PDB file of all heavy atoms in Angstrom:
ATOM      1  N   ASP A   1      -6.254  -5.336   9.100  1.00  0.00           N
ATOM      2  CA  ASP A   1      -6.136  -6.757   8.781  1.00  0.00           C
ATOM      3  C   ASP A   1      -5.120  -7.033   7.676  1.00  0.00           C
ATOM      4  O   ASP A   1      -4.870  -8.197   7.355  1.00  0.00           O
ATOM      5  CB  ASP A   1      -7.491  -7.319   8.339  1.00  0.00           C
ATOM      6  CG  ASP A   1      -8.551  -7.213   9.417  1.00  0.00           C
ATOM      7  OD1 ASP A   1      -8.189  -7.234  10.618  1.00  0.00           O
ATOM      8  OD2 ASP A   1      -9.741  -7.103   9.063  1.00  0.00           O
ATOM      9  N   LEU A   2      -4.593  -5.975   7.077  1.00  0.00           N
ATOM     10  CA  LEU A   2      -3.655  -6.113   5.962  1.00  0.00           C
ATOM     11  C   LEU A   2      -2.258  -5.696   6.408  1.00  0.00           C
ATOM     12  O   LEU A   2      -1.992  -4.503   6.546  1.00  0.00           O
ATOM     13  CB  LEU A   2      -4.094  -5.224   4.792  1.00  0.00           C
ATOM     14  CG  LEU A   2      -5.387  -5.591   4.099  1.00  0.00           C
ATOM     15  CD1 LEU A   2      -5.785  -4.493   3.126  1.00  0.00           C
ATOM     16  CD2 LEU A   2      -5.253  -6.921   3.379  1.00  0.00           C
ATOM     17  N   PRO A   3      -1.365  -6.640   6.615  1.00  0.00           N
ATOM     18  CA  PRO A   3       0.013  -6.258   6.943  1.00  0.00           C
ATOM     19  C   PRO A   3       0.589  -5.383   5.831  1.00  0.00           C
ATOM     20  O   PRO A   3       0.487  -5.737   4.647  1.00  0.00           O
ATOM     21  CB  PRO A   3       0.749  -7.590   7.046  1.00  0.00           C
ATOM     22  CG  PRO A   3      -0.317  -8.598   7.323  1.00  0.00           C
ATOM     23  CD  PRO A   3      -1.544  -8.092   6.603  1.00  0.00           C
ATOM     24  N   LEU A   4       1.154  -4.256   6.205  1.00  0.00           N
ATOM     25  CA  LEU A   4       1.680  -3.325   5.213  1.00  0.00           C
ATOM     26  C   LEU A   4       2.719  -3.996   4.320  1.00  0.00           C
ATOM     27  O   LEU A   4       2.778  -3.730   3.122  1.00  0.00           O
ATOM     28  CB  LEU A   4       2.262  -2.075   5.892  1.00  0.00           C
ATOM     29  CG  LEU A   4       2.735  -0.967   4.951  1.00  0.00           C
ATOM     30  CD1 LEU A   4       1.608  -0.501   4.032  1.00  0.00           C
ATOM     31  CD2 LEU A   4       3.287   0.200   5.747  1.00  0.00           C
ATOM     32  N   SER A   5       3.515  -4.897   4.866  1.00  0.00           N
ATOM     33  CA  SER A   5       4.526  -5.586   4.056  1.00  0.00           C
ATOM     34  C   SER A   5       3.863  -6.408   2.940  1.00  0.00           C
ATOM     35  O   SER A   5       4.377  -6.465   1.821  1.00  0.00           O
ATOM     36  CB  SER A   5       5.399  -6.485   4.929  1.00  0.00           C
ATOM     37  OG  SER A   5       4.600  -7.449   5.602  1.00  0.00           O
ATOM     38  N   ASP A   6       2.719  -7.011   3.215  1.00  0.00           N
ATOM     39  CA  ASP A   6       1.997  -7.772   2.192  1.00  0.00           C
ATOM     40  C   ASP A   6       1.448  -6.851   1.113  1.00  0.00           C
ATOM     41  O   ASP A   6       1.497  -7.165  -0.079  1.00  0.00           O
ATOM     42  CB  ASP A   6       0.837  -8.555   2.815  1.00  0.00           C
ATOM     43  CG  ASP A   6       1.283  -9.679   3.729  1.00  0.00           C
ATOM     44  OD1 ASP A   6       2.505  -9.941   3.813  1.00  0.00           O
ATOM     45  OD2 ASP A   6       0.408 -10.303   4.352  1.00  0.00           O
ATOM     46  N   VAL A   7       0.904  -5.722   1.536  1.00  0.00           N
ATOM     47  CA  VAL A   7       0.346  -4.754   0.588  1.00  0.00           C
ATOM     48  C   VAL A   7       1.456  -4.185  -0.287  1.00  0.00           C
ATOM     49  O   VAL A   7       1.309  -4.092  -1.512  1.00  0.00           O
ATOM     50  CB  VAL A   7      -0.410  -3.635   1.330  1.00  0.00           C
ATOM     51  CG1 VAL A   7      -0.892  -2.567   0.355  1.00  0.00           C
ATOM     52  CG2 VAL A   7      -1.586  -4.208   2.110  1.00  0.00           C
ATOM     53  N   LEU A   8       2.578  -3.822   0.314  1.00  0.00           N
ATOM     54  CA  LEU A   8       3.705  -3.289  -0.457  1.00  0.00           C
ATOM     55  C   LEU A   8       4.202  -4.311  -1.468  1.00  0.00           C
ATOM     56  O   LEU A   8       4.523  -3.959  -2.613  1.00  0.00           O
ATOM     57  CB  LEU A   8       4.830  -2.851   0.476  1.00  0.00           C
ATOM     58  CG  LEU A   8       4.560  -1.590   1.277  1.00  0.00           C
ATOM     59  CD1 LEU A   8       5.615  -1.409   2.376  1.00  0.00           C
ATOM     60  CD2 LEU A   8       4.523  -0.360   0.367  1.00  0.00           C
ATOM     61  N   ALA A   9       4.271  -5.576  -1.079  1.00  0.00           N
ATOM     62  CA  ALA A   9       4.717  -6.627  -2.002  1.00  0.00           C
ATOM     63  C   ALA A   9       3.754  -6.747  -3.186  1.00  0.00           C
ATOM     64  O   ALA A   9       4.195  -6.942  -4.332  1.00  0.00           O
ATOM     65  CB  ALA A   9       4.837  -7.953  -1.263  1.00  0.00           C
ATOM     66  N   LEU A  10       2.448  -6.617  -2.935  1.00  0.00           N
ATOM     67  CA  LEU A  10       1.463  -6.688  -4.016  1.00  0.00           C
ATOM     68  C   LEU A  10       1.617  -5.495  -4.959  1.00  0.00           C
ATOM     69  O   LEU A  10       1.666  -5.674  -6.178  1.00  0.00           O
ATOM     70  CB  LEU A  10       0.049  -6.732  -3.437  1.00  0.00           C
ATOM     71  CG  LEU A  10      -1.094  -6.698  -4.451  1.00  0.00           C
ATOM     72  CD1 LEU A  10      -1.026  -7.880  -5.417  1.00  0.00           C
ATOM     73  CD2 LEU A  10      -2.430  -6.660  -3.719  1.00  0.00           C
ATOM     74  N   TYR A  11       1.704  -4.290  -4.414  1.00  0.00           N
ATOM     75  CA  TYR A  11       1.859  -3.100  -5.258  1.00  0.00           C
ATOM     76  C   TYR A  11       3.166  -3.167  -6.046  1.00  0.00           C
ATOM     77  O   TYR A  11       3.225  -2.753  -7.198  1.00  0.00           O
ATOM     78  CB  TYR A  11       1.793  -1.823  -4.415  1.00  0.00           C
ATOM     79  CG  TYR A  11       0.388  -1.358  -4.124  1.00  0.00           C
ATOM     80  CD1 TYR A  11      -0.372  -1.956  -3.124  1.00  0.00           C
ATOM     81  CD2 TYR A  11      -0.188  -0.314  -4.830  1.00  0.00           C
ATOM     82  CE1 TYR A  11      -1.657  -1.532  -2.846  1.00  0.00           C
ATOM     83  CE2 TYR A  11      -1.469   0.123  -4.565  1.00  0.00           C
ATOM     84  CZ  TYR A  11      -2.213  -0.494  -3.570  1.00  0.00           C
ATOM     85  OH  TYR A  11      -3.490  -0.075  -3.304  1.00  0.00           O
ATOM     86  N   GLU A  12       4.202  -3.705  -5.441  1.00  0.00           N
ATOM     87  CA  GLU A  12       5.473  -3.862  -6.139  1.00  0.00           C
ATOM     88  C   GLU A  12       5.350  -4.893  -7.259  1.00  0.00           C
ATOM     89  O   GLU A  12       5.889  -4.698  -8.353  1.00  0.00           O
ATOM     90  CB  GLU A  12       6.568  -4.279  -5.155  1.00  0.00           C
ATOM     91  CG  GLU A  12       7.961  -4.162  -5.729  1.00  0.00           C
ATOM     92  CD  GLU A  12       9.016  -4.314  -4.653  1.00  0.00           C
ATOM     93  OE1 GLU A  12       9.096  -3.424  -3.780  1.00  0.00           O
ATOM     94  OE2 GLU A  12       9.749  -5.313  -4.711  1.00  0.00           O
ATOM     95  N   ALA A  13       4.630  -5.967  -7.016  1.00  0.00           N
ATOM     96  CA  ALA A  13       4.458  -7.019  -8.024  1.00  0.00           C
ATOM     97  C   ALA A  13       3.772  -6.499  -9.279  1.00  0.00           C
ATOM     98  O   ALA A  13       4.050  -6.968 -10.384  1.00  0.00           O
ATOM     99  CB  ALA A  13       3.674  -8.195  -7.439  1.00  0.00           C
ATOM    100  N   VAL A  14       2.867  -5.528  -9.114  1.00  0.00           N
ATOM    101  CA  VAL A  14       2.175  -4.960 -10.281  1.00  0.00           C
ATOM    102  C   VAL A  14       2.849  -3.672 -10.766  1.00  0.00           C
ATOM    103  O   VAL A  14       2.330  -2.991 -11.647  1.00  0.00           O
ATOM    104  CB  VAL A  14       0.670  -4.730 -10.005  1.00  0.00           C
ATOM    105  CG1 VAL A  14      -0.025  -6.044  -9.709  1.00  0.00           C
ATOM    106  CG2 VAL A  14       0.447  -3.722  -8.903  1.00  0.00           C
ATOM    107  N   GLU A  15       3.972  -3.351 -10.147  1.00  0.00           N
ATOM    108  CA  GLU A  15       4.809  -2.199 -10.518  1.00  0.00           C
ATOM    109  C   GLU A  15       4.113  -0.863 -10.349  1.00  0.00           C
ATOM    110  O   GLU A  15       4.307   0.058 -11.130  1.00  0.00           O
ATOM    111  CB  GLU A  15       5.352  -2.377 -11.944  1.00  0.00           C
ATOM    112  CG  GLU A  15       6.234  -3.595 -12.086  1.00  0.00           C
ATOM    113  CD  GLU A  15       6.805  -3.794 -13.482  1.00  0.00           C
ATOM    114  OE1 GLU A  15       6.517  -2.981 -14.398  1.00  0.00           O
ATOM    115  OE2 GLU A  15       7.568  -4.755 -13.655  1.00  0.00           O
ATOM    116  N   TRP A  16       3.298  -0.754  -9.310  1.00  0.00           N
ATOM    117  CA  TRP A  16       2.711   0.534  -8.948  1.00  0.00           C
ATOM    118  C   TRP A  16       3.642   1.181  -7.935  1.00  0.00           C
ATOM    119  O   TRP A  16       3.335   1.295  -6.752  1.00  0.00           O
ATOM    120  CB  TRP A  16       1.312   0.346  -8.386  1.00  0.00           C
ATOM    121  CG  TRP A  16       0.293  -0.031  -9.423  1.00  0.00           C
ATOM    122  CD1 TRP A  16       0.514  -0.483 -10.685  1.00  0.00           C
ATOM    123  CD2 TRP A  16      -1.122   0.015  -9.266  1.00  0.00           C
ATOM    124  NE1 TRP A  16      -0.663  -0.733 -11.314  1.00  0.00           N
ATOM    125  CE2 TRP A  16      -1.687  -0.443 -10.470  1.00  0.00           C
ATOM    126  CE3 TRP A  16      -1.950   0.372  -8.215  1.00  0.00           C
ATOM    127  CZ2 TRP A  16      -3.067  -0.527 -10.656  1.00  0.00           C
ATOM    128  CZ3 TRP A  16      -3.308   0.280  -8.404  1.00  0.00           C
ATOM    129  CH2 TRP A  16      -3.867  -0.153  -9.615  1.00  0.00           C
ATOM    130  N   LEU A  17       4.790   1.589  -8.407  1.00  0.00           N
ATOM    131  CA  LEU A  17       5.873   2.008  -7.532  1.00  0.00           C
ATOM    132  C   LEU A  17       5.641   3.365  -6.874  1.00  0.00           C
ATOM    133  O   LEU A  17       6.259   3.660  -5.854  1.00  0.00           O
ATOM    134  CB  LEU A  17       7.186   1.985  -8.313  1.00  0.00           C
ATOM    135  CG  LEU A  17       7.509   0.623  -8.958  1.00  0.00           C
ATOM    136  CD1 LEU A  17       8.821   0.693  -9.727  1.00  0.00           C
ATOM    137  CD2 LEU A  17       7.511  -0.496  -7.943  1.00  0.00           C
ATOM    138  N   ALA A  18       4.755   4.183  -7.414  1.00  0.00           N
ATOM    139  CA  ALA A  18       4.450   5.461  -6.756  1.00  0.00           C
ATOM    140  C   ALA A  18       3.897   5.206  -5.355  1.00  0.00           C
ATOM    141  O   ALA A  18       4.117   6.000  -4.446  1.00  0.00           O
ATOM    142  CB  ALA A  18       3.458   6.264  -7.585  1.00  0.00           C
ATOM    143  N   TYR A  19       3.197   4.098  -5.189  1.00  0.00           N
ATOM    144  CA  TYR A  19       2.642   3.742  -3.883  1.00  0.00           C
ATOM    145  C   TYR A  19       3.717   3.189  -2.953  1.00  0.00           C
ATOM    146  O   TYR A  19       3.694   3.426  -1.757  1.00  0.00           O
ATOM    147  CB  TYR A  19       1.535   2.691  -4.033  1.00  0.00           C
ATOM    148  CG  TYR A  19       0.260   3.213  -4.636  1.00  0.00           C
ATOM    149  CD1 TYR A  19       0.076   3.225  -6.018  1.00  0.00           C
ATOM    150  CD2 TYR A  19      -0.764   3.673  -3.834  1.00  0.00           C
ATOM    151  CE1 TYR A  19      -1.104   3.680  -6.567  1.00  0.00           C
ATOM    152  CE2 TYR A  19      -1.951   4.134  -4.377  1.00  0.00           C
ATOM    153  CZ  TYR A  19      -2.113   4.139  -5.746  1.00  0.00           C
ATOM    154  OH  TYR A  19      -3.284   4.598  -6.286  1.00  0.00           O
ATOM    155  N   THR A  20       4.643   2.422  -3.504  1.00  0.00           N
ATOM    156  CA  THR A  20       5.640   1.767  -2.659  1.00  0.00           C
ATOM    157  C   THR A  20       6.735   2.721  -2.203  1.00  0.00           C
ATOM    158  O   THR A  20       7.420   2.427  -1.229  1.00  0.00           O
ATOM    159  CB  THR A  20       6.281   0.569  -3.397  1.00  0.00           C
ATOM    160  OG1 THR A  20       6.961   1.026  -4.572  1.00  0.00           O
ATOM    161  CG2 THR A  20       5.231  -0.454  -3.770  1.00  0.00           C
ATOM    162  N   LYS A  21       6.864   3.848  -2.872  1.00  0.00           N
ATOM    163  CA  LYS A  21       7.882   4.836  -2.484  1.00  0.00           C
ATOM    164  C   LYS A  21       7.549   5.533  -1.177  1.00  0.00           C
ATOM    165  O   LYS A  21       8.425   6.092  -0.529  1.00  0.00           O
ATOM    166  CB  LYS A  21       8.055   5.886  -3.588  1.00  0.00           C
ATOM    167  CG  LYS A  21       8.721   5.356  -4.823  1.00  0.00           C
ATOM    168  CD  LYS A  21       8.816   6.439  -5.879  1.00  0.00           C
ATOM    169  CE  LYS A  21       9.382   5.878  -7.163  1.00  0.00           C
ATOM    170  NZ  LYS A  21       9.414   6.872  -8.240  1.00  0.00           N
ATOM    171  N   ASP A  22       6.265   5.533  -0.811  1.00  0.00           N
ATOM    172  CA  ASP A  22       5.831   6.235   0.395  1.00  0.00           C
ATOM    173  C   ASP A  22       4.859   5.349   1.181  1.00  0.00           C
ATOM    174  O   ASP A  22       3.636   5.537   1.125  1.00  0.00           O
ATOM    175  CB  ASP A  22       5.176   7.563   0.010  1.00  0.00           C
ATOM    176  CG  ASP A  22       4.893   8.442   1.198  1.00  0.00           C
ATOM    177  OD1 ASP A  22       5.068   7.998   2.362  1.00  0.00           O
ATOM    178  OD2 ASP A  22       4.475   9.599   0.982  1.00  0.00           O
ATOM    179  N   PRO A  23       5.399   4.353   1.897  1.00  0.00           N
ATOM    180  CA  PRO A  23       4.539   3.407   2.622  1.00  0.00           C
ATOM    181  C   PRO A  23       3.593   4.062   3.631  1.00  0.00           C
ATOM    182  O   PRO A  23       2.472   3.589   3.818  1.00  0.00           O
ATOM    183  CB  PRO A  23       5.536   2.485   3.326  1.00  0.00           C
ATOM    184  CG  PRO A  23       6.794   2.597   2.533  1.00  0.00           C
ATOM    185  CD  PRO A  23       6.812   4.003   2.012  1.00  0.00           C
ATOM    186  N   ASP A  24       4.021   5.156   4.257  1.00  0.00           N
ATOM    187  CA  ASP A  24       3.150   5.823   5.230  1.00  0.00           C
ATOM    188  C   ASP A  24       1.888   6.367   4.564  1.00  0.00           C
ATOM    189  O   ASP A  24       0.787   6.250   5.108  1.00  0.00           O
ATOM    190  CB  ASP A  24       3.891   6.947   5.953  1.00  0.00           C
ATOM    191  CG  ASP A  24       4.977   6.431   6.878  1.00  0.00           C
ATOM    192  OD1 ASP A  24       4.877   5.266   7.330  1.00  0.00           O
ATOM    193  OD2 ASP A  24       5.933   7.179   7.151  1.00  0.00           O
ATOM    194  N   THR A  25       2.052   6.963   3.389  1.00  0.00           N
ATOM    195  CA  THR A  25       0.897   7.487   2.671  1.00  0.00           C
ATOM    196  C   THR A  25      -0.004   6.355   2.205  1.00  0.00           C
ATOM    197  O   THR A  25      -1.237   6.457   2.276  1.00  0.00           O
ATOM    198  CB  THR A  25       1.345   8.341   1.470  1.00  0.00           C
ATOM    199  OG1 THR A  25       2.079   9.472   1.977  1.00  0.00           O
ATOM    200  CG2 THR A  25       0.169   8.840   0.649  1.00  0.00           C
ATOM    201  N   LEU A  26       0.583   5.253   1.750  1.00  0.00           N
ATOM    202  CA  LEU A  26      -0.219   4.099   1.355  1.00  0.00           C
ATOM    203  C   LEU A  26      -1.027   3.572   2.542  1.00  0.00           C
ATOM    204  O   LEU A  26      -2.215   3.283   2.416  1.00  0.00           O
ATOM    205  CB  LEU A  26       0.662   2.988   0.776  1.00  0.00           C
ATOM    206  CG  LEU A  26      -0.058   1.704   0.372  1.00  0.00           C
ATOM    207  CD1 LEU A  26      -1.191   1.959  -0.614  1.00  0.00           C
ATOM    208  CD2 LEU A  26       0.937   0.697  -0.184  1.00  0.00           C
ATOM    209  N   GLN A  27      -0.409   3.491   3.705  1.00  0.00           N
ATOM    210  CA  GLN A  27      -1.114   3.026   4.909  1.00  0.00           C
ATOM    211  C   GLN A  27      -2.281   3.956   5.240  1.00  0.00           C
ATOM    212  O   GLN A  27      -3.382   3.499   5.547  1.00  0.00           O
ATOM    213  CB  GLN A  27      -0.155   2.940   6.092  1.00  0.00           C
ATOM    214  CG  GLN A  27      -0.791   2.393   7.360  1.00  0.00           C
ATOM    215  CD  GLN A  27      -1.166   0.928   7.238  1.00  0.00           C
ATOM    216  OE1 GLN A  27      -0.383   0.122   6.775  1.00  0.00           O
ATOM    217  NE2 GLN A  27      -2.368   0.588   7.639  1.00  0.00           N
ATOM    218  N   LYS A  28      -2.063   5.256   5.151  1.00  0.00           N
ATOM    219  CA  LYS A  28      -3.142   6.219   5.412  1.00  0.00           C
ATOM    220  C   LYS A  28      -4.263   6.074   4.387  1.00  0.00           C
ATOM    221  O   LYS A  28      -5.443   6.192   4.719  1.00  0.00           O
ATOM    222  CB  LYS A  28      -2.595   7.642   5.402  1.00  0.00           C
ATOM    223  CG  LYS A  28      -1.740   7.964   6.607  1.00  0.00           C
ATOM    224  CD  LYS A  28      -1.159   9.360   6.495  1.00  0.00           C
ATOM    225  CE  LYS A  28      -0.184   9.622   7.625  1.00  0.00           C
ATOM    226  NZ  LYS A  28       0.521  10.900   7.480  1.00  0.00           N
ATOM    227  N   ALA A  29      -3.886   5.822   3.130  1.00  0.00           N
ATOM    228  CA  ALA A  29      -4.889   5.639   2.077  1.00  0.00           C
ATOM    229  C   ALA A  29      -5.746   4.405   2.355  1.00  0.00           C
ATOM    230  O   ALA A  29      -6.970   4.441   2.201  1.00  0.00           O
ATOM    231  CB  ALA A  29      -4.204   5.523   0.716  1.00  0.00           C
ATOM    232  N   LEU A  30      -5.110   3.336   2.779  1.00  0.00           N
ATOM    233  CA  LEU A  30      -5.857   2.124   3.123  1.00  0.00           C
ATOM    234  C   LEU A  30      -6.818   2.401   4.274  1.00  0.00           C
ATOM    235  O   LEU A  30      -7.991   2.015   4.233  1.00  0.00           O
ATOM    236  CB  LEU A  30      -4.906   0.988   3.490  1.00  0.00           C
ATOM    237  CG  LEU A  30      -4.005   0.463   2.375  1.00  0.00           C
ATOM    238  CD1 LEU A  30      -2.961  -0.481   2.944  1.00  0.00           C
ATOM    239  CD2 LEU A  30      -4.811  -0.195   1.271  1.00  0.00           C
ATOM    240  N   GLN A  31      -6.334   3.083   5.296  1.00  0.00           N
ATOM    241  CA  GLN A  31      -7.160   3.382   6.468  1.00  0.00           C
ATOM    242  C   GLN A  31      -8.329   4.305   6.125  1.00  0.00           C
ATOM    243  O   GLN A  31      -9.391   4.222   6.730  1.00  0.00           O
ATOM    244  CB  GLN A  31      -6.308   3.999   7.568  1.00  0.00           C
ATOM    245  CG  GLN A  31      -5.320   3.014   8.160  1.00  0.00           C
ATOM    246  CD  GLN A  31      -4.284   3.672   9.062  1.00  0.00           C
ATOM    247  OE1 GLN A  31      -4.109   4.890   9.062  1.00  0.00           O
ATOM    248  NE2 GLN A  31      -3.583   2.851   9.824  1.00  0.00           N
ATOM    249  N   GLY A  32      -8.133   5.178   5.148  1.00  0.00           N
ATOM    250  CA  GLY A  32      -9.171   6.126   4.755  1.00  0.00           C
ATOM    251  C   GLY A  32     -10.150   5.591   3.725  1.00  0.00           C
ATOM    252  O   GLY A  32     -11.091   6.278   3.343  1.00  0.00           O
ATOM    253  N   SER A  33      -9.936   4.371   3.279  1.00  0.00           N
ATOM    254  CA  SER A  33     -10.814   3.779   2.264  1.00  0.00           C
ATOM    255  C   SER A  33     -12.164   3.408   2.871  1.00  0.00           C
ATOM    256  O   SER A  33     -12.252   3.002   4.020  1.00  0.00           O
ATOM    257  CB  SER A  33     -10.154   2.531   1.674  1.00  0.00           C
ATOM    258  OG  SER A  33      -8.962   2.874   1.011  1.00  0.00           O
ATOM    259  N   SER A  34     -13.201   3.519   2.068  1.00  0.00           N
ATOM    260  CA  SER A  34     -14.539   3.117   2.499  1.00  0.00           C
ATOM    261  C   SER A  34     -14.672   1.601   2.537  1.00  0.00           C
ATOM    262  O   SER A  34     -15.324   1.054   3.422  1.00  0.00           O
ATOM    263  CB  SER A  34     -15.587   3.682   1.539  1.00  0.00           C
ATOM    264  OG  SER A  34     -15.455   5.073   1.430  1.00  0.00           O
ATOM    265  N   THR A  35     -14.081   0.951   1.548  1.00  0.00           N
ATOM    266  CA  THR A  35     -14.141  -0.501   1.443  1.00  0.00           C
ATOM    267  C   THR A  35     -12.814  -1.030   0.930  1.00  0.00           C
ATOM    268  O   THR A  35     -12.244  -0.471  -0.010  1.00  0.00           O
ATOM    269  CB  THR A  35     -15.264  -0.944   0.479  1.00  0.00           C
ATOM    270  OG1 THR A  35     -16.512  -0.432   0.946  1.00  0.00           O
ATOM    271  CG2 THR A  35     -15.357  -2.450   0.367  1.00  0.00           C
TER     272      THR A  35
END
């Protein structure tokens, strides 16, 4: 339900750039989350 582009924009806005450097890993992390 979360477009990756929206999530990347949010992480970029808070300057959590380690997440934005590897969008595939961020997507997997979201999918693997419990909540």
